[in-house]
């Protein structure tokens, strides 16, 4: 879960550099460089973003699915995205 919006370009770089052992990812995000919210999905080394208007209070969240990848590394990279936004 994200506590605040993240930079879209930094997030897209992170997704593009995911280890091959991450097969899918998906979630809903607010980006700091736009007022829109986005649903994203990642599969087969390709990512897609769609502007959405959630009904109700939907948290910003990203889920990563795969095997034998270091969850801690990805979690720390995501936390760094939030820290970049704070500075």
N, C-alpha and C. Protein backbone atom coordinates (compact mmCIF):
# COMPACT_ATOMS: atom_id res chain seq x y z
N UNK A 1 0.84 -1.18 0.00
CA UNK A 1 0.00 0.00 0.00
C UNK A 1 0.88 1.24 0.00
N UNK A 2 0.44 2.26 -0.71
CA UNK A 2 1.15 3.53 -0.74
C UNK A 2 0.44 4.51 0.17
N UNK A 3 1.20 5.33 0.87
CA UNK A 3 0.61 6.33 1.74
C UNK A 3 0.43 7.66 1.03
N UNK A 4 1.06 7.81 -0.14
CA UNK A 4 0.96 9.05 -0.91
C UNK A 4 1.23 8.77 -2.38
N UNK A 5 0.94 9.74 -3.24
CA UNK A 5 1.22 9.56 -4.67
C UNK A 5 2.72 9.41 -4.94
N UNK A 6 3.05 8.74 -6.05
CA UNK A 6 4.45 8.57 -6.46
C UNK A 6 4.62 9.15 -7.86
N UNK A 7 5.84 9.44 -8.24
CA UNK A 7 6.14 9.98 -9.56
C UNK A 7 5.91 8.90 -10.61
N UNK A 8 5.16 9.24 -11.65
CA UNK A 8 4.81 8.25 -12.68
C UNK A 8 6.02 7.73 -13.44
N UNK A 9 6.96 8.61 -13.77
CA UNK A 9 8.13 8.17 -14.54
C UNK A 9 9.01 7.23 -13.72
N UNK A 10 9.19 7.54 -12.44
CA UNK A 10 9.98 6.68 -11.56
C UNK A 10 9.29 5.32 -11.40
N UNK A 11 7.96 5.32 -11.27
CA UNK A 11 7.24 4.05 -11.14
C UNK A 11 7.35 3.23 -12.42
N UNK A 12 7.20 3.87 -13.57
CA UNK A 12 7.32 3.15 -14.84
C UNK A 12 8.71 2.56 -15.02
N UNK A 13 9.75 3.26 -14.57
CA UNK A 13 11.12 2.71 -14.63
C UNK A 13 11.23 1.48 -13.75
N UNK A 14 10.68 1.56 -12.55
CA UNK A 14 10.72 0.41 -11.64
C UNK A 14 10.04 -0.80 -12.28
N UNK A 15 8.87 -0.59 -12.86
CA UNK A 15 8.13 -1.69 -13.50
C UNK A 15 8.92 -2.26 -14.67
N UNK A 16 9.54 -1.41 -15.46
CA UNK A 16 10.32 -1.87 -16.62
C UNK A 16 11.53 -2.69 -16.21
N UNK A 17 12.03 -2.48 -15.00
CA UNK A 17 13.23 -3.17 -14.54
C UNK A 17 12.93 -4.32 -13.57
N UNK A 18 11.67 -4.75 -13.48
CA UNK A 18 11.33 -5.86 -12.59
C UNK A 18 12.09 -7.11 -12.99
N UNK A 19 12.46 -7.94 -12.02
CA UNK A 19 13.13 -9.21 -12.35
C UNK A 19 12.22 -10.12 -13.17
N UNK A 20 12.81 -10.97 -13.96
CA UNK A 20 12.03 -11.90 -14.81
C UNK A 20 11.15 -12.84 -13.99
N UNK A 21 11.48 -13.02 -12.73
CA UNK A 21 10.70 -13.91 -11.87
C UNK A 21 9.39 -13.28 -11.40
N UNK A 22 9.18 -11.99 -11.70
CA UNK A 22 7.88 -11.35 -11.44
C UNK A 22 7.08 -11.51 -12.73
N UNK A 23 6.00 -12.28 -12.64
CA UNK A 23 5.21 -12.60 -13.83
C UNK A 23 4.09 -11.60 -14.09
N UNK A 24 3.50 -11.12 -12.98
CA UNK A 24 2.39 -10.18 -13.12
C UNK A 24 2.46 -9.17 -11.99
N UNK A 25 1.90 -8.02 -12.26
CA UNK A 25 1.73 -7.00 -11.23
C UNK A 25 0.47 -6.22 -11.60
N UNK A 26 -0.18 -5.70 -10.58
CA UNK A 26 -1.37 -4.89 -10.85
C UNK A 26 -1.65 -4.02 -9.65
N UNK A 27 -2.45 -3.00 -9.87
CA UNK A 27 -2.80 -2.15 -8.76
C UNK A 27 -3.48 -0.87 -9.21
N UNK A 28 -3.70 0.00 -8.23
CA UNK A 28 -4.30 1.31 -8.45
C UNK A 28 -3.38 2.33 -7.80
N UNK A 29 -3.07 3.38 -8.56
CA UNK A 29 -2.10 4.36 -8.07
C UNK A 29 -2.55 5.78 -8.33
N UNK A 30 -2.09 6.66 -7.46
CA UNK A 30 -2.15 8.10 -7.69
C UNK A 30 -0.72 8.53 -7.98
N UNK A 31 -0.55 9.33 -9.02
CA UNK A 31 0.78 9.82 -9.36
C UNK A 31 0.90 11.27 -8.95
N UNK A 32 2.09 11.65 -8.51
CA UNK A 32 2.33 13.01 -8.02
C UNK A 32 2.36 14.04 -9.14
N UNK A 33 2.55 13.59 -10.37
CA UNK A 33 2.67 14.52 -11.49
C UNK A 33 1.41 14.60 -12.34
N UNK A 34 0.29 14.10 -11.82
CA UNK A 34 -1.00 14.23 -12.49
C UNK A 34 -2.10 14.12 -11.42
N UNK A 35 -3.24 14.68 -11.69
CA UNK A 35 -4.33 14.62 -10.71
C UNK A 35 -5.19 13.37 -10.89
N UNK A 36 -4.92 12.59 -11.92
CA UNK A 36 -5.72 11.39 -12.20
C UNK A 36 -5.23 10.19 -11.41
N UNK A 37 -6.11 9.22 -11.26
CA UNK A 37 -5.73 7.93 -10.67
C UNK A 37 -5.67 6.93 -11.81
N UNK A 38 -4.83 5.92 -11.61
CA UNK A 38 -4.61 4.93 -12.67
C UNK A 38 -4.67 3.52 -12.13
N UNK A 39 -5.24 2.65 -12.95
CA UNK A 39 -5.18 1.21 -12.76
C UNK A 39 -4.02 0.77 -13.64
N UNK A 40 -3.14 -0.09 -13.11
CA UNK A 40 -2.06 -0.57 -13.95
C UNK A 40 -2.01 -2.10 -13.89
N UNK A 41 -1.48 -2.66 -14.96
CA UNK A 41 -1.22 -4.09 -14.96
C UNK A 41 0.08 -4.34 -15.71
N UNK A 42 0.74 -5.41 -15.33
CA UNK A 42 2.01 -5.80 -15.93
C UNK A 42 1.94 -7.31 -16.15
N UNK A 43 2.22 -7.74 -17.37
CA UNK A 43 2.25 -9.17 -17.69
C UNK A 43 3.09 -9.34 -18.95
N UNK A 44 3.80 -10.44 -19.02
CA UNK A 44 4.62 -10.75 -20.21
C UNK A 44 5.59 -9.61 -20.52
N UNK A 45 6.15 -8.99 -19.46
CA UNK A 45 7.15 -7.92 -19.58
C UNK A 45 6.58 -6.65 -20.23
N UNK A 46 5.27 -6.51 -20.25
CA UNK A 46 4.60 -5.32 -20.81
C UNK A 46 3.72 -4.71 -19.72
N UNK A 47 3.64 -3.39 -19.70
CA UNK A 47 2.77 -2.74 -18.72
C UNK A 47 1.73 -1.88 -19.44
N UNK A 48 0.61 -1.68 -18.76
CA UNK A 48 -0.49 -0.92 -19.32
C UNK A 48 -1.08 -0.07 -18.19
N UNK A 49 -1.44 1.16 -18.51
CA UNK A 49 -2.01 2.09 -17.54
C UNK A 49 -3.32 2.62 -18.09
N UNK A 50 -4.34 2.67 -17.23
CA UNK A 50 -5.64 3.18 -17.65
C UNK A 50 -6.13 4.17 -16.60
N UNK A 51 -6.52 5.35 -17.06
CA UNK A 51 -7.07 6.36 -16.16
C UNK A 51 -8.42 5.85 -15.64
N UNK A 52 -8.63 5.99 -14.32
CA UNK A 52 -9.88 5.51 -13.72
C UNK A 52 -10.44 6.57 -12.77
N UNK A 53 -11.70 6.40 -12.44
CA UNK A 53 -12.35 7.18 -11.39
C UNK A 53 -13.02 6.18 -10.46
N UNK A 54 -12.29 5.74 -9.41
CA UNK A 54 -12.85 4.74 -8.50
C UNK A 54 -14.11 5.25 -7.80
N UNK A 55 -15.02 4.37 -7.55
CA UNK A 55 -16.22 4.67 -6.78
C UNK A 55 -15.91 4.38 -5.32
N UNK A 56 -15.93 5.37 -4.49
CA UNK A 56 -15.64 5.15 -3.08
C UNK A 56 -14.16 5.36 -2.77
N UNK A 57 -13.79 4.98 -1.56
CA UNK A 57 -12.42 5.17 -1.07
C UNK A 57 -11.59 3.92 -1.41
N UNK A 58 -10.79 4.02 -2.44
CA UNK A 58 -9.96 2.89 -2.89
C UNK A 58 -8.50 3.25 -2.61
N UNK A 59 -7.79 2.42 -1.83
CA UNK A 59 -6.40 2.75 -1.50
C UNK A 59 -5.46 2.57 -2.70
N UNK A 60 -4.33 3.27 -2.65
CA UNK A 60 -3.28 3.05 -3.63
C UNK A 60 -2.53 1.78 -3.23
N UNK A 61 -2.47 0.85 -4.17
CA UNK A 61 -1.88 -0.45 -3.85
C UNK A 61 -1.25 -1.06 -5.10
N UNK A 62 -0.20 -1.82 -4.91
CA UNK A 62 0.44 -2.57 -6.00
C UNK A 62 0.69 -3.99 -5.51
N UNK A 63 0.39 -4.96 -6.36
CA UNK A 63 0.57 -6.38 -6.04
C UNK A 63 1.48 -6.99 -7.08
N UNK A 64 2.46 -7.77 -6.63
CA UNK A 64 3.42 -8.41 -7.52
C UNK A 64 3.32 -9.92 -7.36
N UNK A 65 3.23 -10.62 -8.48
CA UNK A 65 3.02 -12.06 -8.48
C UNK A 65 4.17 -12.73 -9.24
N UNK A 66 4.74 -13.74 -8.65
CA UNK A 66 5.84 -14.47 -9.30
C UNK A 66 6.39 -15.50 -8.34
N UNK A 67 7.62 -15.91 -8.59
CA UNK A 67 8.27 -16.87 -7.69
C UNK A 67 9.76 -16.60 -7.66
N UNK A 68 10.34 -16.90 -6.53
CA UNK A 68 11.79 -16.81 -6.33
C UNK A 68 12.34 -15.40 -6.52
N UNK A 69 11.53 -14.36 -6.32
CA UNK A 69 12.07 -13.01 -6.37
C UNK A 69 12.11 -12.46 -4.95
N UNK A 70 12.98 -11.51 -4.73
CA UNK A 70 13.19 -10.94 -3.40
C UNK A 70 12.15 -9.85 -3.13
N UNK A 71 11.14 -10.20 -2.36
CA UNK A 71 10.06 -9.26 -2.05
C UNK A 71 10.58 -8.02 -1.34
N UNK A 72 11.60 -8.20 -0.51
CA UNK A 72 12.15 -7.09 0.25
C UNK A 72 12.75 -6.04 -0.68
N UNK A 73 13.43 -6.47 -1.73
CA UNK A 73 14.03 -5.53 -2.68
C UNK A 73 12.94 -4.69 -3.34
N UNK A 74 11.90 -5.33 -3.82
CA UNK A 74 10.82 -4.60 -4.48
C UNK A 74 10.11 -3.68 -3.49
N UNK A 75 9.85 -4.16 -2.29
CA UNK A 75 9.21 -3.32 -1.27
C UNK A 75 10.06 -2.08 -0.99
N UNK A 76 11.38 -2.26 -0.85
CA UNK A 76 12.26 -1.13 -0.59
C UNK A 76 12.29 -0.15 -1.76
N UNK A 77 12.25 -0.66 -2.98
CA UNK A 77 12.21 0.21 -4.15
C UNK A 77 10.93 1.04 -4.16
N UNK A 78 9.82 0.43 -3.79
CA UNK A 78 8.55 1.15 -3.73
C UNK A 78 8.58 2.21 -2.63
N UNK A 79 9.17 1.88 -1.48
CA UNK A 79 9.29 2.87 -0.40
C UNK A 79 10.18 4.03 -0.82
N UNK A 80 11.21 3.75 -1.61
CA UNK A 80 12.08 4.81 -2.13
C UNK A 80 11.29 5.76 -3.03
N UNK A 81 10.34 5.23 -3.79
CA UNK A 81 9.51 6.09 -4.64
C UNK A 81 8.73 7.09 -3.78
N UNK A 82 8.22 6.62 -2.66
CA UNK A 82 7.51 7.53 -1.76
C UNK A 82 8.46 8.55 -1.13
N UNK A 83 9.66 8.11 -0.80
CA UNK A 83 10.65 9.02 -0.20
C UNK A 83 11.08 10.09 -1.18
N UNK A 84 11.21 9.74 -2.46
CA UNK A 84 11.56 10.72 -3.50
C UNK A 84 10.50 11.80 -3.55
N UNK A 85 9.25 11.41 -3.44
CA UNK A 85 8.15 12.36 -3.51
C UNK A 85 8.14 13.30 -2.31
N UNK A 86 8.61 12.83 -1.16
CA UNK A 86 8.64 13.64 0.06
C UNK A 86 9.69 14.73 0.00
N UNK A 87 10.79 14.51 -0.77
CA UNK A 87 11.88 15.49 -0.79
C UNK A 87 11.60 16.67 -1.68
